[in-house]
Amino acid sequence: ETIIESASYPELKPLHIITHYCVLPFNKTCAPRLAISRCELIEELMKILDVKTGDNGLTVDNVSKFCAQALEHN
């Protein structure tokens, strides 16, 4: 919840820090619960941030790359 709230702060939004680190791919050895939590985090960020414009660092390209790797996770 803190990460989601921080992503909507006007001071942090233009820096794209939170969205950048959230869409970084994770290792295939990552714990399943951690992988699920990261996917849920991206889902919540997509609800509050506009993915279409990409003005917040959360672009369709970044999200699709993240989702493609998340699907390959065991």
PDB file of N, CA and C in Angstrom:
ATOM      1  N   GLU A   1       0.818  -1.191   0.000  1.00  0.00           N
ATOM      2  CA  GLU A   1       0.000   0.000   0.000  1.00  0.00           C
ATOM      3  C   GLU A   1       0.864   1.258   0.000  1.00  0.00           C
ATOM      4  N   THR A   2       1.974   1.208   0.711  1.00  0.00           N
ATOM      5  CA  THR A   2       2.856   2.367   0.775  1.00  0.00           C
ATOM      6  C   THR A   2       3.461   2.669  -0.584  1.00  0.00           C
ATOM      7  N   ILE A   3       3.841   1.641  -1.309  1.00  0.00           N
ATOM      8  CA  ILE A   3       4.434   1.830  -2.633  1.00  0.00           C
ATOM      9  C   ILE A   3       3.404   2.428  -3.584  1.00  0.00           C
ATOM     10  N   ILE A   4       2.187   1.924  -3.530  1.00  0.00           N
ATOM     11  CA  ILE A   4       1.123   2.433  -4.392  1.00  0.00           C
ATOM     12  C   ILE A   4       0.845   3.900  -4.070  1.00  0.00           C
ATOM     13  N   GLU A   5       0.774   4.217  -2.790  1.00  0.00           N
ATOM     14  CA  GLU A   5       0.515   5.600  -2.375  1.00  0.00           C
ATOM     15  C   GLU A   5       1.665   6.514  -2.792  1.00  0.00           C
ATOM     16  N   SER A   6       2.891   6.043  -2.627  1.00  0.00           N
ATOM     17  CA  SER A   6       4.060   6.852  -2.985  1.00  0.00           C
ATOM     18  C   SER A   6       4.126   7.123  -4.480  1.00  0.00           C
ATOM     19  N   ALA A   7       3.684   6.186  -5.289  1.00  0.00           N
ATOM     20  CA  ALA A   7       3.735   6.350  -6.743  1.00  0.00           C
ATOM     21  C   ALA A   7       2.835   7.480  -7.222  1.00  0.00           C
ATOM     22  N   SER A   8       1.830   7.821  -6.437  1.00  0.00           N
ATOM     23  CA  SER A   8       0.913   8.885  -6.855  1.00  0.00           C
ATOM     24  C   SER A   8       1.301  10.260  -6.309  1.00  0.00           C
ATOM     25  N   TYR A   9       2.377  10.339  -5.527  1.00  0.00           N
ATOM     26  CA  TYR A   9       2.830  11.643  -5.021  1.00  0.00           C
ATOM     27  C   TYR A   9       3.294  12.519  -6.178  1.00  0.00           C
ATOM     28  N   PRO A  10       2.874  13.765  -6.208  1.00  0.00           N
ATOM     29  CA  PRO A  10       3.278  14.655  -7.308  1.00  0.00           C
ATOM     30  C   PRO A  10       4.792  14.871  -7.376  1.00  0.00           C
ATOM     31  N   GLU A  11       5.476  14.769  -6.232  1.00  0.00           N
ATOM     32  CA  GLU A  11       6.925  14.966  -6.213  1.00  0.00           C
ATOM     33  C   GLU A  11       7.665  13.776  -6.821  1.00  0.00           C
ATOM     34  N   LEU A  12       7.119  12.582  -6.685  1.00  0.00           N
ATOM     35  CA  LEU A  12       7.788  11.374  -7.166  1.00  0.00           C
ATOM     36  C   LEU A  12       7.347  10.950  -8.555  1.00  0.00           C
ATOM     37  N   LYS A  13       6.168  11.339  -8.953  1.00  0.00           N
ATOM     38  CA  LYS A  13       5.621  10.918 -10.248  1.00  0.00           C
ATOM     39  C   LYS A  13       6.534  11.263 -11.426  1.00  0.00           C
ATOM     40  N   PRO A  14       7.046  12.498 -11.523  1.00  0.00           N
ATOM     41  CA  PRO A  14       7.888  12.823 -12.686  1.00  0.00           C
ATOM     42  C   PRO A  14       9.232  12.100 -12.692  1.00  0.00           C
ATOM     43  N   LEU A  15       9.668  11.583 -11.554  1.00  0.00           N
ATOM     44  CA  LEU A  15      10.966  10.910 -11.480  1.00  0.00           C
ATOM     45  C   LEU A  15      10.915   9.475 -11.995  1.00  0.00           C
ATOM     46  N   HIS A  16       9.753   8.872 -12.033  1.00  0.00           N
ATOM     47  CA  HIS A  16       9.535   7.500 -12.512  1.00  0.00           C
ATOM     48  C   HIS A  16      10.331   6.460 -11.719  1.00  0.00           C
ATOM     49  N   ILE A  17      10.696   6.767 -10.499  1.00  0.00           N
ATOM     50  CA  ILE A  17      11.522   5.856  -9.707  1.00  0.00           C
ATOM     51  C   ILE A  17      10.754   4.593  -9.351  1.00  0.00           C
ATOM     52  N   ILE A  18       9.581   4.744  -8.824  1.00  0.00           N
ATOM     53  CA  ILE A  18       8.821   3.592  -8.338  1.00  0.00           C
ATOM     54  C   ILE A  18       8.395   2.699  -9.491  1.00  0.00           C
ATOM     55  N   THR A  19       7.882   3.287 -10.548  1.00  0.00           N
ATOM     56  CA  THR A  19       7.440   2.461 -11.676  1.00  0.00           C
ATOM     57  C   THR A  19       8.613   1.763 -12.343  1.00  0.00           C
ATOM     58  N   HIS A  20       9.761   2.424 -12.393  1.00  0.00           N
ATOM     59  CA  HIS A  20      10.944   1.812 -13.007  1.00  0.00           C
ATOM     60  C   HIS A  20      11.354   0.550 -12.259  1.00  0.00           C
ATOM     61  N   TYR A  21      11.435   0.634 -10.947  1.00  0.00           N
ATOM     62  CA  TYR A  21      11.863  -0.517 -10.160  1.00  0.00           C
ATOM     63  C   TYR A  21      10.795  -1.602 -10.076  1.00  0.00           C
ATOM     64  N   CYS A  22       9.558  -1.238 -10.218  1.00  0.00           N
ATOM     65  CA  CYS A  22       8.493  -2.244 -10.157  1.00  0.00           C
ATOM     66  C   CYS A  22       8.453  -3.123 -11.402  1.00  0.00           C
ATOM     67  N   VAL A  23       8.794  -2.577 -12.554  1.00  0.00           N
ATOM     68  CA  VAL A  23       8.725  -3.373 -13.782  1.00  0.00           C
ATOM     69  C   VAL A  23      10.043  -4.054 -14.133  1.00  0.00           C
ATOM     70  N   LEU A  24      11.045  -3.934 -13.265  1.00  0.00           N
ATOM     71  CA  LEU A  24      12.288  -4.665 -13.513  1.00  0.00           C
ATOM     72  C   LEU A  24      12.007  -6.163 -13.453  1.00  0.00           C
ATOM     73  N   PRO A  25      12.545  -6.928 -14.381  1.00  0.00           N
ATOM     74  CA  PRO A  25      12.315  -8.375 -14.362  1.00  0.00           C
ATOM     75  C   PRO A  25      12.932  -9.012 -13.120  1.00  0.00           C
ATOM     76  N   PHE A  26      12.298 -10.050 -12.626  1.00  0.00           N
ATOM     77  CA  PHE A  26      12.851 -10.750 -11.471  1.00  0.00           C
ATOM     78  C   PHE A  26      13.492 -12.063 -11.918  1.00  0.00           C
ATOM     79  N   ASN A  27      14.325 -12.631 -11.047  1.00  0.00           N
ATOM     80  CA  ASN A  27      15.022 -13.881 -11.362  1.00  0.00           C
ATOM     81  C   ASN A  27      14.036 -15.033 -11.437  1.00  0.00           C
ATOM     82  N   LYS A  28      14.424 -16.056 -12.155  1.00  0.00           N
ATOM     83  CA  LYS A  28      13.578 -17.250 -12.201  1.00  0.00           C
ATOM     84  C   LYS A  28      13.643 -18.010 -10.883  1.00  0.00           C
ATOM     85  N   THR A  29      14.642 -17.704 -10.052  1.00  0.00           N
ATOM     86  CA  THR A  29      14.766 -18.356  -8.750  1.00  0.00           C
ATOM     87  C   THR A  29      14.037 -17.585  -7.654  1.00  0.00           C
ATOM     88  N   CYS A  30      13.340 -16.553  -8.037  1.00  0.00           N
ATOM     89  CA  CYS A  30      12.586 -15.732  -7.093  1.00  0.00           C
ATOM     90  C   CYS A  30      11.476 -16.574  -6.453  1.00  0.00           C
ATOM     91  N   ALA A  31      11.218 -16.333  -5.179  1.00  0.00           N
ATOM     92  CA  ALA A  31      10.163 -17.066  -4.478  1.00  0.00           C
ATOM     93  C   ALA A  31       8.809 -16.798  -5.135  1.00  0.00           C
ATOM     94  N   PRO A  32       7.965 -17.816  -5.240  1.00  0.00           N
ATOM     95  CA  PRO A  32       6.664 -17.643  -5.900  1.00  0.00           C
ATOM     96  C   PRO A  32       5.805 -16.537  -5.276  1.00  0.00           C
ATOM     97  N   ARG A  33       5.806 -16.431  -3.964  1.00  0.00           N
ATOM     98  CA  ARG A  33       4.982 -15.413  -3.314  1.00  0.00           C
ATOM     99  C   ARG A  33       5.472 -14.005  -3.661  1.00  0.00           C
ATOM    100  N   LEU A  34       6.790 -13.840  -3.741  1.00  0.00           N
ATOM    101  CA  LEU A  34       7.349 -12.546  -4.119  1.00  0.00           C
ATOM    102  C   LEU A  34       6.980 -12.198  -5.559  1.00  0.00           C
ATOM    103  N   ALA A  35       7.014 -13.181  -6.437  1.00  0.00           N
ATOM    104  CA  ALA A  35       6.643 -12.954  -7.838  1.00  0.00           C
ATOM    105  C   ALA A  35       5.175 -12.551  -7.954  1.00  0.00           C
ATOM    106  N   ILE A  36       4.318 -13.212  -7.202  1.00  0.00           N
ATOM    107  CA  ILE A  36       2.889 -12.875  -7.217  1.00  0.00           C
ATOM    108  C   ILE A  36       2.672 -11.461  -6.677  1.00  0.00           C
ATOM    109  N   SER A  37       3.390 -11.115  -5.626  1.00  0.00           N
ATOM    110  CA  SER A  37       3.257  -9.773  -5.048  1.00  0.00           C
ATOM    111  C   SER A  37       3.679  -8.695  -6.029  1.00  0.00           C
ATOM    112  N   ARG A  38       4.748  -8.948  -6.776  1.00  0.00           N
ATOM    113  CA  ARG A  38       5.194  -7.972  -7.781  1.00  0.00           C
ATOM    114  C   ARG A  38       4.143  -7.811  -8.872  1.00  0.00           C
ATOM    115  N   CYS A  39       3.525  -8.903  -9.282  1.00  0.00           N
ATOM    116  CA  CYS A  39       2.470  -8.828 -10.305  1.00  0.00           C
ATOM    117  C   CYS A  39       1.269  -8.050  -9.787  1.00  0.00           C
ATOM    118  N   GLU A  40       0.904  -8.281  -8.543  1.00  0.00           N
ATOM    119  CA  GLU A  40      -0.208  -7.550  -7.941  1.00  0.00           C
ATOM    120  C   GLU A  40       0.114  -6.064  -7.819  1.00  0.00           C
ATOM    121  N   LEU A  41       1.368  -5.753  -7.540  1.00  0.00           N
ATOM    122  CA  LEU A  41       1.796  -4.363  -7.449  1.00  0.00           C
ATOM    123  C   LEU A  41       1.664  -3.665  -8.796  1.00  0.00           C
ATOM    124  N   ILE A  42       2.090  -4.322  -9.855  1.00  0.00           N
ATOM    125  CA  ILE A  42       1.949  -3.761 -11.204  1.00  0.00           C
ATOM    126  C   ILE A  42       0.471  -3.568 -11.540  1.00  0.00           C
ATOM    127  N   GLU A  43      -0.341  -4.530 -11.159  1.00  0.00           N
ATOM    128  CA  GLU A  43      -1.783  -4.423 -11.421  1.00  0.00           C
ATOM    129  C   GLU A  43      -2.374  -3.185 -10.746  1.00  0.00           C
ATOM    130  N   GLU A  44      -2.006  -2.945  -9.504  1.00  0.00           N
ATOM    131  CA  GLU A  44      -2.521  -1.775  -8.786  1.00  0.00           C
ATOM    132  C   GLU A  44      -1.981  -0.477  -9.377  1.00  0.00           C
ATOM    133  N   LEU A  45      -0.715  -0.478  -9.780  1.00  0.00           N
ATOM    134  CA  LEU A  45      -0.144   0.723 -10.394  1.00  0.00           C
ATOM    135  C   LEU A  45      -0.835   1.048 -11.709  1.00  0.00           C
ATOM    136  N   MET A  46      -1.202   0.029 -12.455  1.00  0.00           N
ATOM    137  CA  MET A  46      -1.895   0.251 -13.725  1.00  0.00           C
ATOM    138  C   MET A  46      -3.268   0.872 -13.511  1.00  0.00           C
ATOM    139  N   LYS A  47      -3.880   0.604 -12.368  1.00  0.00           N
ATOM    140  CA  LYS A  47      -5.196   1.177 -12.072  1.00  0.00           C
ATOM    141  C   LYS A  47      -5.115   2.674 -11.775  1.00  0.00           C
ATOM    142  N   ILE A  48      -4.028   3.104 -11.121  1.00  0.00           N
ATOM    143  CA  ILE A  48      -3.954   4.511 -10.716  1.00  0.00           C
ATOM    144  C   ILE A  48      -3.136   5.374 -11.669  1.00  0.00           C
ATOM    145  N   LEU A  49      -2.276   4.752 -12.478  1.00  0.00           N
ATOM    146  CA  LEU A  49      -1.442   5.505 -13.416  1.00  0.00           C
ATOM    147  C   LEU A  49      -1.880   5.207 -14.841  1.00  0.00           C
ATOM    148  N   ASP A  50      -1.725   6.175 -15.702  1.00  0.00           N
ATOM    149  CA  ASP A  50      -2.140   6.022 -17.094  1.00  0.00           C
ATOM    150  C   ASP A  50      -1.042   5.327 -17.890  1.00  0.00           C
ATOM    151  N   VAL A  51      -1.302   4.115 -18.330  1.00  0.00           N
ATOM    152  CA  VAL A  51      -0.320   3.333 -19.076  1.00  0.00           C
ATOM    153  C   VAL A  51      -0.257   3.790 -20.528  1.00  0.00           C
ATOM    154  N   LYS A  52      -1.348   4.283 -21.051  1.00  0.00           N
ATOM    155  CA  LYS A  52      -1.407   4.652 -22.473  1.00  0.00           C
ATOM    156  C   LYS A  52      -0.434   5.766 -22.836  1.00  0.00           C
ATOM    157  N   THR A  53      -0.336   6.772 -21.981  1.00  0.00           N
ATOM    158  CA  THR A  53       0.531   7.904 -22.308  1.00  0.00           C
ATOM    159  C   THR A  53       1.993   7.606 -22.026  1.00  0.00           C
ATOM    160  N   GLY A  54       2.282   6.816 -21.017  1.00  0.00           N
ATOM    161  CA  GLY A  54       3.663   6.510 -20.662  1.00  0.00           C
ATOM    162  C   GLY A  54       4.368   7.662 -19.978  1.00  0.00           C
ATOM    163  N   ASP A  55       3.616   8.668 -19.546  1.00  0.00           N
ATOM    164  CA  ASP A  55       4.214   9.833 -18.897  1.00  0.00           C
ATOM    165  C   ASP A  55       4.760   9.523 -17.509  1.00  0.00           C
ATOM    166  N   ASN A  56       4.415   8.392 -16.964  1.00  0.00           N
ATOM    167  CA  ASN A  56       4.817   8.064 -15.605  1.00  0.00           C
ATOM    168  C   ASN A  56       5.850   6.942 -15.538  1.00  0.00           C
ATOM    169  N   GLY A  57       6.407   6.542 -16.660  1.00  0.00           N
ATOM    170  CA  GLY A  57       7.396   5.474 -16.675  1.00  0.00           C
ATOM    171  C   GLY A  57       6.785   4.096 -16.790  1.00  0.00           C
ATOM    172  N   LEU A  58       5.487   4.009 -16.722  1.00  0.00           N
ATOM    173  CA  LEU A  58       4.792   2.729 -16.826  1.00  0.00           C
ATOM    174  C   LEU A  58       4.197   2.643 -18.225  1.00  0.00           C
ATOM    175  N   THR A  59       4.981   2.133 -19.157  1.00  0.00           N
ATOM    176  CA  THR A  59       4.544   2.062 -20.549  1.00  0.00           C
ATOM    177  C   THR A  59       4.034   0.671 -20.883  1.00  0.00           C
ATOM    178  N   VAL A  60       3.337   0.563 -21.973  1.00  0.00           N
ATOM    179  CA  VAL A  60       2.830  -0.735 -22.423  1.00  0.00           C
ATOM    180  C   VAL A  60       3.998  -1.681 -22.682  1.00  0.00           C
ATOM    181  N   ASP A  61       5.081  -1.157 -23.233  1.00  0.00           N
ATOM    182  CA  ASP A  61       6.260  -1.969 -23.518  1.00  0.00           C
ATOM    183  C   ASP A  61       6.871  -2.531 -22.233  1.00  0.00           C
ATOM    184  N   ASN A  62       7.047  -1.678 -21.220  1.00  0.00           N
ATOM    185  CA  ASN A  62       7.612  -2.128 -19.944  1.00  0.00           C
ATOM    186  C   ASN A  62       6.731  -3.175 -19.279  1.00  0.00           C
ATOM    187  N   VAL A  63       5.445  -2.916 -19.264  1.00  0.00           N
ATOM    188  CA  VAL A  63       4.516  -3.839 -18.609  1.00  0.00           C
ATOM    189  C   VAL A  63       4.450  -5.167 -19.355  1.00  0.00           C
ATOM    190  N   SER A  64       4.455  -5.128 -20.683  1.00  0.00           N
ATOM    191  CA  SER A  64       4.373  -6.380 -21.447  1.00  0.00           C
ATOM    192  C   SER A  64       5.636  -7.218 -21.277  1.00  0.00           C
ATOM    193  N   LYS A  65       6.799  -6.580 -21.208  1.00  0.00           N
ATOM    194  CA  LYS A  65       8.042  -7.333 -20.958  1.00  0.00           C
ATOM    195  C   LYS A  65       8.017  -7.970 -19.578  1.00  0.00           C
ATOM    196  N   PHE A  66       7.535  -7.208 -18.592  1.00  0.00           N
ATOM    197  CA  PHE A  66       7.442  -7.740 -17.238  1.00  0.00           C
ATOM    198  C   PHE A  66       6.475  -8.919 -17.188  1.00  0.00           C
ATOM    199  N   CYS A  67       5.320  -8.769 -17.823  1.00  0.00           N
ATOM    200  CA  CYS A  67       4.306  -9.827 -17.811  1.00  0.00           C
ATOM    201  C   CYS A  67       4.783 -11.075 -18.548  1.00  0.00           C
ATOM    202  N   ALA A  68       5.518 -10.890 -19.634  1.00  0.00           N
ATOM    203  CA  ALA A  68       6.030 -12.039 -20.380  1.00  0.00           C
ATOM    204  C   ALA A  68       6.976 -12.855 -19.514  1.00  0.00           C
ATOM    205  N   GLN A  69       7.836 -12.178 -18.764  1.00  0.00           N
ATOM    206  CA  GLN A  69       8.738 -12.924 -17.897  1.00  0.00           C
ATOM    207  C   GLN A  69       7.999 -13.510 -16.703  1.00  0.00           C
ATOM    208  N   ALA A  70       7.001 -12.812 -16.209  1.00  0.00           N
ATOM    209  CA  ALA A  70       6.226 -13.330 -15.082  1.00  0.00           C
ATOM    210  C   ALA A  70       5.506 -14.621 -15.466  1.00  0.00           C
ATOM    211  N   LEU A  71       5.067 -14.714 -16.706  1.00  0.00           N
ATOM    212  CA  LEU A  71       4.402 -15.937 -17.164  1.00  0.00           C
ATOM    213  C   LEU A  71       5.363 -17.114 -17.240  1.00  0.00           C
ATOM    214  N   GLU A  72       6.650 -16.837 -17.455  1.00  0.00           N
ATOM    215  CA  GLU A  72       7.640 -17.903 -17.524  1.00  0.00           C
ATOM    216  C   GLU A  72       8.091 -18.369 -16.149  1.00  0.00           C
ATOM    217  N   HIS A  73       7.758 -17.608 -15.110  1.00  0.00           N
ATOM    218  CA  HIS A  73       8.187 -17.967 -13.755  1.00  0.00           C
ATOM    219  C   HIS A  73       7.484 -19.239 -13.309  1.00  0.00           C
ATOM    220  N   ASN A  74       8.217 -20.054 -12.603  1.00  0.00           N
ATOM    221  CA  ASN A  74       7.630 -21.334 -12.131  1.00  0.00           C
ATOM    222  C   ASN A  74       6.809 -21.088 -10.925  1.00  0.00           C
TER     223      ASN A  74
END
